[in-house]
C-alpha atoms as a PDB file:
ATOM      1  CA  LYS A   1     175.204  14.795 279.886  1.00  0.00           C
ATOM      2  CA  SER A   2     177.999  16.647 281.594  1.00  0.00           C
ATOM      3  CA  VAL A   3     181.033  16.235 283.763  1.00  0.00           C
ATOM      4  CA  ASN A   4     181.500  18.708 286.622  1.00  0.00           C
ATOM      5  CA  THR A   5     183.846  19.238 289.490  1.00  0.00           C
ATOM      6  CA  THR A   6     182.439  19.412 293.074  1.00  0.00           C
ATOM      7  CA  MET A   7     183.083  18.567 296.687  1.00  0.00           C
ATOM      8  CA  THR A   8     181.374  15.706 298.482  1.00  0.00           C
ATOM      9  CA  GLY A   9     182.970  15.697 301.931  1.00  0.00           C
ATOM     10  CA  PHE A  10     185.223  12.828 301.122  1.00  0.00           C
ATOM     11  CA  ASN A  11     182.355  10.496 300.169  1.00  0.00           C
ATOM     12  CA  TYR A  12     182.768   9.837 296.521  1.00  0.00           C
ATOM     13  CA  ASN A  13     185.647  10.609 294.163  1.00  0.00           C
ATOM     14  CA  ILE A  14     183.719  10.045 290.953  1.00  0.00           C
ATOM     15  CA  PHE A  15     179.862   9.726 290.954  1.00  0.00           C
ATOM     16  CA  ASN A  16     177.020   9.546 288.470  1.00  0.00           C
ATOM     17  CA  VAL A  17     173.603  11.156 288.892  1.00  0.00           C
ATOM     18  CA  GLU A  18     171.170  10.488 286.076  1.00  0.00           C
ATOM     19  CA  GLY A  19     174.007  10.335 283.473  1.00  0.00           C
ATOM     20  CA  ASP A  20     175.796  13.493 284.778  1.00  0.00           C
ATOM     21  CA  TYR A  21     179.241  12.835 286.370  1.00  0.00           C
ATOM     22  CA  GLY A  22     180.844  14.692 289.265  1.00  0.00           C
ATOM     23  CA  ILE A  23     184.446  14.663 290.188  1.00  0.00           C
ATOM     24  CA  SER A  24     185.184  15.441 293.909  1.00  0.00           C
ATOM     25  CA  LEU A  25     188.283  17.536 293.956  1.00  0.00           C
ATOM     26  CA  GLU A  26     189.092  16.793 297.587  1.00  0.00           C
ATOM     27  CA  PHE A  27     190.258  13.387 296.441  1.00  0.00           C
ATOM     28  CA  TYR A  28     192.946  14.969 294.217  1.00  0.00           C
ATOM     29  CA  LEU A  29     194.647  17.637 296.415  1.00  0.00           C
ATOM     30  CA  GLY A  30     198.109  16.151 296.114  1.00  0.00           C
ATOM     31  CA  LYS A  31     199.772  13.481 298.353  1.00  0.00           C
ATOM     32  CA  ASP A  32     201.404  16.090 300.578  1.00  0.00           C
ATOM     33  CA  ASN A  33     198.250  18.142 301.249  1.00  0.00           C
ATOM     34  CA  PRO A  34     197.836  18.655 305.018  1.00  0.00           C
ATOM     35  CA  TYR A  35     194.089  17.913 304.802  1.00  0.00           C
ATOM     36  CA  TYR A  36     195.014  14.219 304.492  1.00  0.00           C
ATOM     37  CA  ASP A  37     197.047  14.331 307.697  1.00  0.00           C
ATOM     38  CA  ALA A  38     193.823  14.538 309.681  1.00  0.00           C
ATOM     39  CA  LEU A  39     192.470  11.436 307.956  1.00  0.00           C
ATOM     40  CA  PRO A  40     195.183   8.802 308.513  1.00  0.00           C
ATOM     41  CA  ASP A  41     192.673   5.864 308.452  1.00  0.00           C
ATOM     42  CA  LEU A  42     190.926   6.994 305.307  1.00  0.00           C
ATOM     43  CA  TRP A  43     194.081   8.180 303.638  1.00  0.00           C
ATOM     44  CA  PRO A  44     197.013   5.741 304.275  1.00  0.00           C
ATOM     45  CA  GLY A  45     200.153   6.169 302.260  1.00  0.00           C
ATOM     46  CA  TYR A  46     199.124   3.957 299.311  1.00  0.00           C
ATOM     47  CA  ARG A  47     195.897   6.119 298.897  1.00  0.00           C
ATOM     48  CA  ARG A  48     197.647   9.457 299.375  1.00  0.00           C
ATOM     49  CA  ARG A  49     200.140   8.628 296.674  1.00  0.00           C
ATOM     50  CA  VAL A  50     197.331   8.525 294.057  1.00  0.00           C
ATOM     51  CA  SER A  51     195.455  11.636 295.376  1.00  0.00           C
ATOM     52  CA  SER A  52     196.664  14.013 292.740  1.00  0.00           C
ATOM     53  CA  LYS A  53     195.307  15.392 289.503  1.00  0.00           C
ATOM     54  CA  GLU A  54     197.244  12.990 287.312  1.00  0.00           C
ATOM     55  CA  TYR A  55     194.825  10.253 288.308  1.00  0.00           C
ATOM     56  CA  ILE A  56     191.580  12.058 287.580  1.00  0.00           C
ATOM     57  CA  ALA A  57     191.218  10.952 283.914  1.00  0.00           C
ATOM     58  CA  SER A  58     191.956   7.344 284.649  1.00  0.00           C
ATOM     59  CA  ASN A  59     189.596   7.292 287.671  1.00  0.00           C
ATOM     60  CA  PHE A  60     186.858   8.861 285.546  1.00  0.00           C
ATOM     61  CA  VAL A  61     187.177   6.412 282.726  1.00  0.00           C
ATOM     62  CA  HIS A  62     187.004   3.541 285.282  1.00  0.00           C
ATOM     63  CA  ALA A  63     183.857   5.013 286.907  1.00  0.00           C
ATOM     64  CA  TRP A  64     182.312   5.732 283.476  1.00  0.00           C
ATOM     65  CA  MET A  65     182.883   2.130 282.317  1.00  0.00           C
ATOM     66  CA  MET A  66     181.633   0.712 285.556  1.00  0.00           C
ATOM     67  CA  ASN A  67     178.415   2.558 284.952  1.00  0.00           C
ATOM     68  CA  GLU A  68     178.167   1.591 281.243  1.00  0.00           C
ATOM     69  CA  PHE A  69     179.001  -2.131 281.926  1.00  0.00           C
ATOM     70  CA  PRO A  70     178.061  -3.006 285.524  1.00  0.00           C
ATOM     71  CA  TYR A  71     179.469  -6.091 287.221  1.00  0.00           C
ATOM     72  CA  ASP A  72     177.034  -8.849 286.473  1.00  0.00           C
ATOM     73  CA  PRO A  73     178.857 -12.210 286.637  1.00  0.00           C
ATOM     74  CA  PRO A  74     177.284 -15.710 286.502  1.00  0.00           C
ATOM     75  CA  LYS A  75     178.960 -16.266 289.896  1.00  0.00           C
ATOM     76  CA  ASN A  76     180.693 -13.792 292.182  1.00  0.00           C
ATOM     77  CA  ASP A  77     184.066 -15.458 292.492  1.00  0.00           C
ATOM     78  CA  LEU A  78     187.547 -14.263 292.142  1.00  0.00           C
ATOM     79  CA  ILE A  79     188.120 -15.125 288.569  1.00  0.00           C
ATOM     80  CA  ASN A  80     184.959 -13.195 287.540  1.00  0.00           C
ATOM     81  CA  LYS A  81     185.947 -10.158 289.645  1.00  0.00           C
ATOM     82  CA  MET A  82     189.546 -10.263 288.409  1.00  0.00           C
ATOM     83  CA  VAL A  83     188.468 -10.476 284.734  1.00  0.00           C
ATOM     84  CA  TYR A  84     185.986  -7.693 285.223  1.00  0.00           C
ATOM     85  CA  GLU A  85     188.493  -5.392 286.845  1.00  0.00           C
ATOM     86  CA  GLY A  86     191.009  -6.433 284.135  1.00  0.00           C
ATOM     87  CA  LYS A  87     188.503  -5.473 281.381  1.00  0.00           C
ATOM     88  CA  LEU A  88     188.125  -2.008 283.078  1.00  0.00           C
ATOM     89  CA  LEU A  89     191.848  -1.533 283.041  1.00  0.00           C
ATOM     90  CA  TYR A  90     191.981  -2.632 279.397  1.00  0.00           C
ATOM     91  CA  LEU A  91     189.399   0.052 278.560  1.00  0.00           C
ATOM     92  CA  GLN A  92     191.333   2.661 280.478  1.00  0.00           C
ATOM     93  CA  LYS A  93     194.511   1.849 278.452  1.00  0.00           C
ATOM     94  CA  ALA A  94     192.367   1.978 275.280  1.00  0.00           C
ATOM     95  CA  PHE A  95     190.850   5.370 276.026  1.00  0.00           C
ATOM     96  CA  LEU A  96     193.984   6.933 277.549  1.00  0.00           C
ATOM     97  CA  ARG A  97     196.669   5.646 275.148  1.00  0.00           C
ATOM     98  CA  ASN A  98     199.344   8.113 276.259  1.00  0.00           C
ATOM     99  CA  THR A  99     198.873   7.501 279.986  1.00  0.00           C
ATOM    100  CA  PRO A 100     201.608   5.412 281.655  1.00  0.00           C
ATOM    101  CA  ASP A 101     200.549   2.058 283.136  1.00  0.00           C
ATOM    102  CA  SER A 102     201.599   3.255 286.537  1.00  0.00           C
ATOM    103  CA  ILE A 103     198.797   5.843 286.323  1.00  0.00           C
ATOM    104  CA  ILE A 104     196.290   3.428 284.890  1.00  0.00           C
ATOM    105  CA  THR A 105     196.898   0.815 287.565  1.00  0.00           C
ATOM    106  CA  GLY A 106     197.715   3.242 290.420  1.00  0.00           C
ATOM    107  CA  TYR A 107     200.842   1.264 291.124  1.00  0.00           C
ATOM    108  CA  PRO A 108     204.154   2.787 291.956  1.00  0.00           C
ATOM    109  CA  GLN A 109     206.565   2.020 289.124  1.00  0.00           C
ATOM    110  CA  SER A 110     208.664  -0.217 291.470  1.00  0.00           C
ATOM    111  CA  LYS A 111     205.558  -2.352 292.245  1.00  0.00           C
ATOM    112  CA  LEU A 112     204.572  -2.358 288.565  1.00  0.00           C
ATOM    113  CA  ASP A 113     208.005  -3.672 287.635  1.00  0.00           C
ATOM    114  CA  TRP A 114     207.680  -6.215 290.338  1.00  0.00           C
ATOM    115  CA  ALA A 115     204.311  -7.487 289.018  1.00  0.00           C
ATOM    116  CA  GLN A 116     205.687  -7.728 285.536  1.00  0.00           C
ATOM    117  CA  GLU A 117     208.724  -9.708 286.754  1.00  0.00           C
ATOM    118  CA  ASN A 118     206.674 -12.015 288.910  1.00  0.00           C
ATOM    119  CA  GLU A 119     203.511 -12.499 286.915  1.00  0.00           C
ATOM    120  CA  ALA A 120     203.963 -16.276 286.561  1.00  0.00           C
ATOM    121  CA  LYS A 121     204.794 -16.686 290.200  1.00  0.00           C
ATOM    122  CA  MET A 122     201.775 -14.701 291.349  1.00  0.00           C
ATOM    123  CA  TRP A 123     199.532 -16.811 289.071  1.00  0.00           C
ATOM    124  CA  ALA A 124     201.093 -20.027 290.322  1.00  0.00           C
ATOM    125  CA  THR A 125     200.640 -19.015 293.925  1.00  0.00           C
ATOM    126  CA  MET A 126     196.975 -18.213 293.287  1.00  0.00           C
ATOM    127  CA  ILE A 127     196.472 -21.660 291.713  1.00  0.00           C
ATOM    128  CA  GLU A 128     198.346 -23.434 294.433  1.00  0.00           C
ATOM    129  CA  GLN A 129     196.354 -21.679 297.144  1.00  0.00           C
ATOM    130  CA  LYS A 130     193.108 -22.461 295.299  1.00  0.00           C
ATOM    131  CA  LYS A 131     192.147 -18.851 295.070  1.00  0.00           C
ATOM    132  CA  VAL A 132     191.243 -18.479 291.463  1.00  0.00           C
ATOM    133  CA  TYR A 133     187.708 -19.819 291.694  1.00  0.00           C
ATOM    134  CA  SER A 134     187.224 -18.829 295.375  1.00  0.00           C
ATOM    135  CA  ASP A 135     183.898 -17.137 296.246  1.00  0.00           C
ATOM    136  CA  ASN A 136     185.180 -16.301 299.738  1.00  0.00           C
ATOM    137  CA  GLU A 137     184.604 -12.585 300.182  1.00  0.00           C
ATOM    138  CA  GLU A 138     187.881 -12.174 301.957  1.00  0.00           C
ATOM    139  CA  ASP A 139     189.794 -13.638 299.027  1.00  0.00           C
ATOM    140  CA  LEU A 140     187.911 -11.277 296.668  1.00  0.00           C
ATOM    141  CA  ASN A 141     188.893  -8.234 298.783  1.00  0.00           C
ATOM    142  CA  HIS A 142     192.458  -9.318 299.261  1.00  0.00           C
ATOM    143  CA  PHE A 143     193.078  -9.657 295.566  1.00  0.00           C
ATOM    144  CA  THR A 144     190.942  -6.835 294.073  1.00  0.00           C
ATOM    145  CA  GLU A 145     190.704  -4.082 296.728  1.00  0.00           C
ATOM    146  CA  ASP A 146     193.426  -1.494 297.156  1.00  0.00           C
ATOM    147  CA  GLY A 147     196.169  -1.889 299.743  1.00  0.00           C
ATOM    148  CA  ALA A 148     199.782  -1.437 300.436  1.00  0.00           C
ATOM    149  CA  PHE A 149     200.367  -4.921 298.967  1.00  0.00           C
ATOM    150  CA  THR A 150     198.215  -7.968 298.198  1.00  0.00           C
ATOM    151  CA  ALA A 151     197.648 -10.302 301.132  1.00  0.00           C
ATOM    152  CA  GLY A 152     198.932 -13.796 300.411  1.00  0.00           C
ATOM    153  CA  LEU A 153     201.632 -12.428 298.179  1.00  0.00           C
ATOM    154  CA  PRO A 154     205.019 -10.945 299.105  1.00  0.00           C
ATOM    155  CA  LYS A 155     205.091  -7.447 300.504  1.00  0.00           C
ATOM    156  CA  GLU A 156     206.814  -6.246 297.362  1.00  0.00           C
ATOM    157  CA  SER A 157     203.623  -7.040 295.497  1.00  0.00           C
ATOM    158  CA  PRO A 158     201.237  -4.169 294.580  1.00  0.00           C
ATOM    159  CA  GLY A 159     197.807  -3.898 296.132  1.00  0.00           C
ATOM    160  CA  LYS A 160     194.862  -5.411 294.157  1.00  0.00           C
ATOM    161  CA  ALA A 161     197.256  -7.654 292.218  1.00  0.00           C
ATOM    162  CA  GLY A 162     194.360  -9.761 291.021  1.00  0.00           C
ATOM    163  CA  ASN A 163     193.215  -6.875 288.946  1.00  0.00           C
ATOM    164  CA  TRP A 164     196.535  -6.604 287.173  1.00  0.00           C
ATOM    165  CA  ILE A 165     196.416 -10.461 286.520  1.00  0.00           C
ATOM    166  CA  GLY A 166     192.956  -9.914 285.197  1.00  0.00           C
ATOM    167  CA  LEU A 167     194.324  -7.350 282.774  1.00  0.00           C
ATOM    168  CA  ARG A 168     196.968  -9.745 281.606  1.00  0.00           C
ATOM    169  CA  ILE A 169     194.268 -12.372 280.977  1.00  0.00           C
ATOM    170  CA  VAL A 170     192.180  -9.911 278.993  1.00  0.00           C
ATOM    171  CA  GLU A 171     195.269  -8.958 276.985  1.00  0.00           C
ATOM    172  CA  ALA A 172     195.946 -12.569 276.194  1.00  0.00           C
ATOM    173  CA  TYR A 173     192.307 -13.018 275.090  1.00  0.00           C
ATOM    174  CA  MET A 174     192.423  -9.921 272.863  1.00  0.00           C
ATOM    175  CA  ALA A 175     195.739 -11.119 271.318  1.00  0.00           C
ATOM    176  CA  LYS A 176     194.016 -14.396 270.468  1.00  0.00           C
ATOM    177  CA  PHE A 177     190.785 -12.768 269.205  1.00  0.00           C
ATOM    178  CA  PRO A 178     191.935  -9.437 267.908  1.00  0.00           C
ATOM    179  CA  LYS A 179     188.723  -8.591 266.002  1.00  0.00           C
ATOM    180  CA  THR A 180     186.846  -8.532 269.261  1.00  0.00           C
ATOM    181  CA  THR A 181     185.315  -4.999 269.855  1.00  0.00           C
ATOM    182  CA  LEU A 182     185.468  -3.382 273.163  1.00  0.00           C
ATOM    183  CA  GLU A 183     181.710  -3.675 273.549  1.00  0.00           C
ATOM    184  CA  GLU A 184     181.832  -7.380 272.724  1.00  0.00           C
ATOM    185  CA  LEU A 185     184.696  -7.801 275.226  1.00  0.00           C
ATOM    186  CA  MET A 186     182.701  -6.095 278.046  1.00  0.00           C
ATOM    187  CA  ASN A 187     179.588  -8.187 277.190  1.00  0.00           C
ATOM    188  CA  ILE A 188     181.499 -11.384 277.914  1.00  0.00           C
ATOM    189  CA  LYS A 189     180.130 -11.941 281.459  1.00  0.00           C
ATOM    190  CA  ASP A 190     181.789 -15.255 282.221  1.00  0.00           C
ATOM    191  CA  GLY A 191     185.309 -14.655 283.439  1.00  0.00           C
ATOM    192  CA  ALA A 192     186.133 -18.344 283.693  1.00  0.00           C
ATOM    193  CA  LEU A 193     185.113 -18.784 280.037  1.00  0.00           C
ATOM    194  CA  LEU A 194     187.258 -15.806 278.970  1.00  0.00           C
ATOM    195  CA  LEU A 195     190.200 -17.261 280.934  1.00  0.00           C
ATOM    196  CA  ASN A 196     189.799 -20.627 279.210  1.00  0.00           C
ATOM    197  CA  ARG A 197     189.593 -19.143 275.708  1.00  0.00           C
ATOM    198  CA  SER A 198     192.504 -16.783 276.362  1.00  0.00           C
ATOM    199  CA  LYS A 199     194.864 -19.762 276.951  1.00  0.00           C
ATOM    200  CA  TYR A 200     196.515 -17.535 279.543  1.00  0.00           C
ATOM    201  CA  LYS A 201     199.814 -19.079 280.716  1.00  0.00           C
ATOM    202  CA  PRO A 202     202.484 -16.622 281.874  1.00  0.00           C
ATOM    203  CA  LYS A 203     206.080 -17.767 281.451  1.00  0.00           C
ATOM    204  CA  PHE A 204     208.522 -18.142 284.308  1.00  0.00           C
END
């Protein structure tokens, strides 16, 4: 199996064909590259900011782990999606130990700082709005898909804030069960069960 660089006409940034991976270089031309000026709908500011070579390794590990451990929850609701994305972030941090969290998450440092300072408030908001166990597709997209910020949270929030909360839940679980291997972690399919066992409770 191999990893190669290629061009896909802005279709896939990292892709897998029978175990061989391709990295599309047009996704990593640098945020100020004029090619992105012609694609304002596909390349809004939050996407352009992460379109540089510094993000290749993190994006590759994310795609690799998605292929090795596909999303297969007992129910497609927000807690399962958040925990799954959180596990992928946890693996990225494990494989790329010297990579800053701002690169791993794709958040600007200011938004990462905001998330760290407002973790408990974000979690409380999600509980109050009854989003945690929602299976509404719009809720899943708002909390786990990229954007300038996360709908339902203040505009200071990062996009896909649910993924970061998922990471914090996974970190709480691994702190409680430190002998868990990465493979064992990824094979826990039930996000609600992992949340319950983690005793996740961020402090105000």
